[in-house]
Amino acid sequence: MQPWEIGAAGERIVADTLRISGFVVTVNTQLPGATDIDATKVGDHRLVQVKTSVAPEPPAALSPEEVRAIKSRASRLGATAWQARLMITPGGLPGSAIEWQQL
């Protein structure tokens, strides 16, 4: 899998998980510095940065600059900043549970 395919698969899995939990989800990776996922439901607005890897390699953590950027965007929008980390199989299916961390 190409790196962009790995990232897209992880974003799809996280977005689907949020939708199942009742969030309205926008996936936005086209703009420079954009948050991967903007998710909202009544009383809960989250900006989620997704880190994905192919199992068994663990996904990277957000860099300090990525943490600063997503927290800054979340603050401006009245949202909370989150990191979602997961592994996928070589076929692009979930290979681990999503590890959620509020930043």
Protein backbone atom coordinates (compact mmCIF):
# COMPACT_ATOMS: atom_id res chain seq x y z
CA MET A 1 0.00 0.00 0.00
CA GLN A 2 1.11 3.52 -0.75
CA PRO A 3 1.35 5.95 2.21
CA TRP A 4 -1.69 7.92 1.00
CA GLU A 5 -3.71 4.69 0.81
CA ILE A 6 -2.75 3.80 4.38
CA GLY A 7 -3.81 7.24 5.61
CA ALA A 8 -7.06 7.20 3.64
CA ALA A 9 -7.97 3.75 5.00
CA GLY A 10 -7.37 4.88 8.59
CA GLU A 11 -9.38 8.07 8.10
CA ARG A 12 -12.27 6.06 6.62
CA ILE A 13 -12.27 3.64 9.55
CA VAL A 14 -12.17 6.42 12.15
CA ALA A 15 -14.86 8.43 10.32
CA ASP A 16 -17.11 5.36 10.11
CA THR A 17 -16.61 4.70 13.83
CA LEU A 18 -17.57 8.27 14.68
CA ARG A 19 -20.66 8.09 12.44
CA ILE A 20 -21.78 4.90 14.19
CA SER A 21 -21.44 6.83 17.47
CA GLY A 22 -23.83 9.52 16.19
CA PHE A 23 -21.40 12.15 14.89
CA VAL A 24 -21.81 14.10 11.69
CA VAL A 25 -18.39 13.77 10.07
CA THR A 26 -16.43 15.79 7.54
CA VAL A 27 -13.17 14.32 6.31
CA ASN A 28 -10.86 17.10 5.12
CA THR A 29 -7.29 16.37 4.13
CA GLN A 30 -7.11 18.62 1.09
CA LEU A 31 -6.09 21.90 2.69
CA PRO A 32 -2.56 22.42 4.04
CA GLY A 33 -2.57 21.90 7.79
CA ALA A 34 -6.16 20.65 7.72
CA THR A 35 -7.45 18.42 10.46
CA ASP A 36 -8.23 14.95 9.15
CA ILE A 37 -11.74 14.76 10.62
CA ASP A 38 -14.20 17.33 11.92
CA ALA A 39 -16.93 15.53 13.89
CA THR A 40 -19.95 17.03 15.65
CA LYS A 41 -22.98 15.89 17.58
CA VAL A 42 -25.08 17.70 20.16
CA GLY A 43 -22.73 19.13 22.78
CA ASP A 44 -19.58 17.55 21.30
CA HIS A 45 -17.38 19.03 18.57
CA ARG A 46 -14.11 17.20 17.87
CA LEU A 47 -11.20 17.77 15.54
CA VAL A 48 -9.41 14.45 15.03
CA GLN A 49 -5.96 13.87 13.61
CA VAL A 50 -5.55 10.26 12.46
CA LYS A 51 -2.30 8.28 12.47
CA THR A 52 -2.39 4.92 10.70
CA SER A 53 0.11 2.14 10.06
CA VAL A 54 0.05 -1.34 8.56
CA ALA A 55 0.16 -4.06 11.25
CA PRO A 56 2.32 -5.07 13.01
CA GLU A 57 4.12 -1.68 12.83
CA PRO A 58 2.62 0.71 15.41
CA PRO A 59 1.40 4.09 14.16
CA ALA A 60 3.48 7.16 14.86
CA ALA A 61 2.42 9.68 17.46
CA LEU A 62 1.65 13.24 16.49
CA SER A 63 4.66 15.52 16.38
CA PRO A 64 4.74 18.47 18.80
CA GLU A 65 3.99 20.78 15.85
CA GLU A 66 0.97 18.69 14.84
CA VAL A 67 -0.32 18.76 18.44
CA ARG A 68 0.12 22.53 18.62
CA ALA A 69 -1.65 23.04 15.28
CA ILE A 70 -4.69 20.88 16.01
CA LYS A 71 -5.08 22.31 19.52
CA SER A 72 -4.91 25.82 18.10
CA ARG A 73 -7.55 25.05 15.43
CA ALA A 74 -9.77 23.36 18.02
CA SER A 75 -9.51 26.35 20.35
CA ARG A 76 -10.49 28.76 17.55
CA LEU A 77 -13.53 26.60 16.69
CA GLY A 78 -14.67 25.81 20.24
CA ALA A 79 -13.87 22.12 19.69
CA THR A 80 -11.73 19.54 21.46
CA ALA A 81 -8.60 18.15 19.82
CA TRP A 82 -8.14 14.40 19.52
CA GLN A 83 -5.62 11.94 18.17
CA ALA A 84 -6.80 8.60 16.78
CA ARG A 85 -4.16 5.91 16.19
CA LEU A 86 -4.79 2.54 14.57
CA MET A 87 -3.24 -0.27 12.61
CA ILE A 88 -4.74 -1.71 9.45
CA THR A 89 -4.17 -4.97 7.60
CA PRO A 90 -2.33 -4.96 4.25
CA GLY A 91 -5.80 -5.10 2.67
CA GLY A 92 -6.90 -1.88 4.39
CA LEU A 93 -9.17 -3.44 7.02
CA PRO A 94 -9.01 -2.60 10.74
CA GLY A 95 -6.09 -4.41 12.32
CA SER A 96 -6.43 -3.00 15.83
CA ALA A 97 -8.81 -1.07 18.00
CA ILE A 98 -8.64 2.69 17.60
CA GLU A 99 -6.55 4.30 20.34
CA TRP A 100 -8.20 7.63 21.22
CA GLN A 101 -6.37 10.40 23.04
CA GLN A 102 -7.78 13.81 23.84
CA LEU A 103 -5.05 16.39 23.44
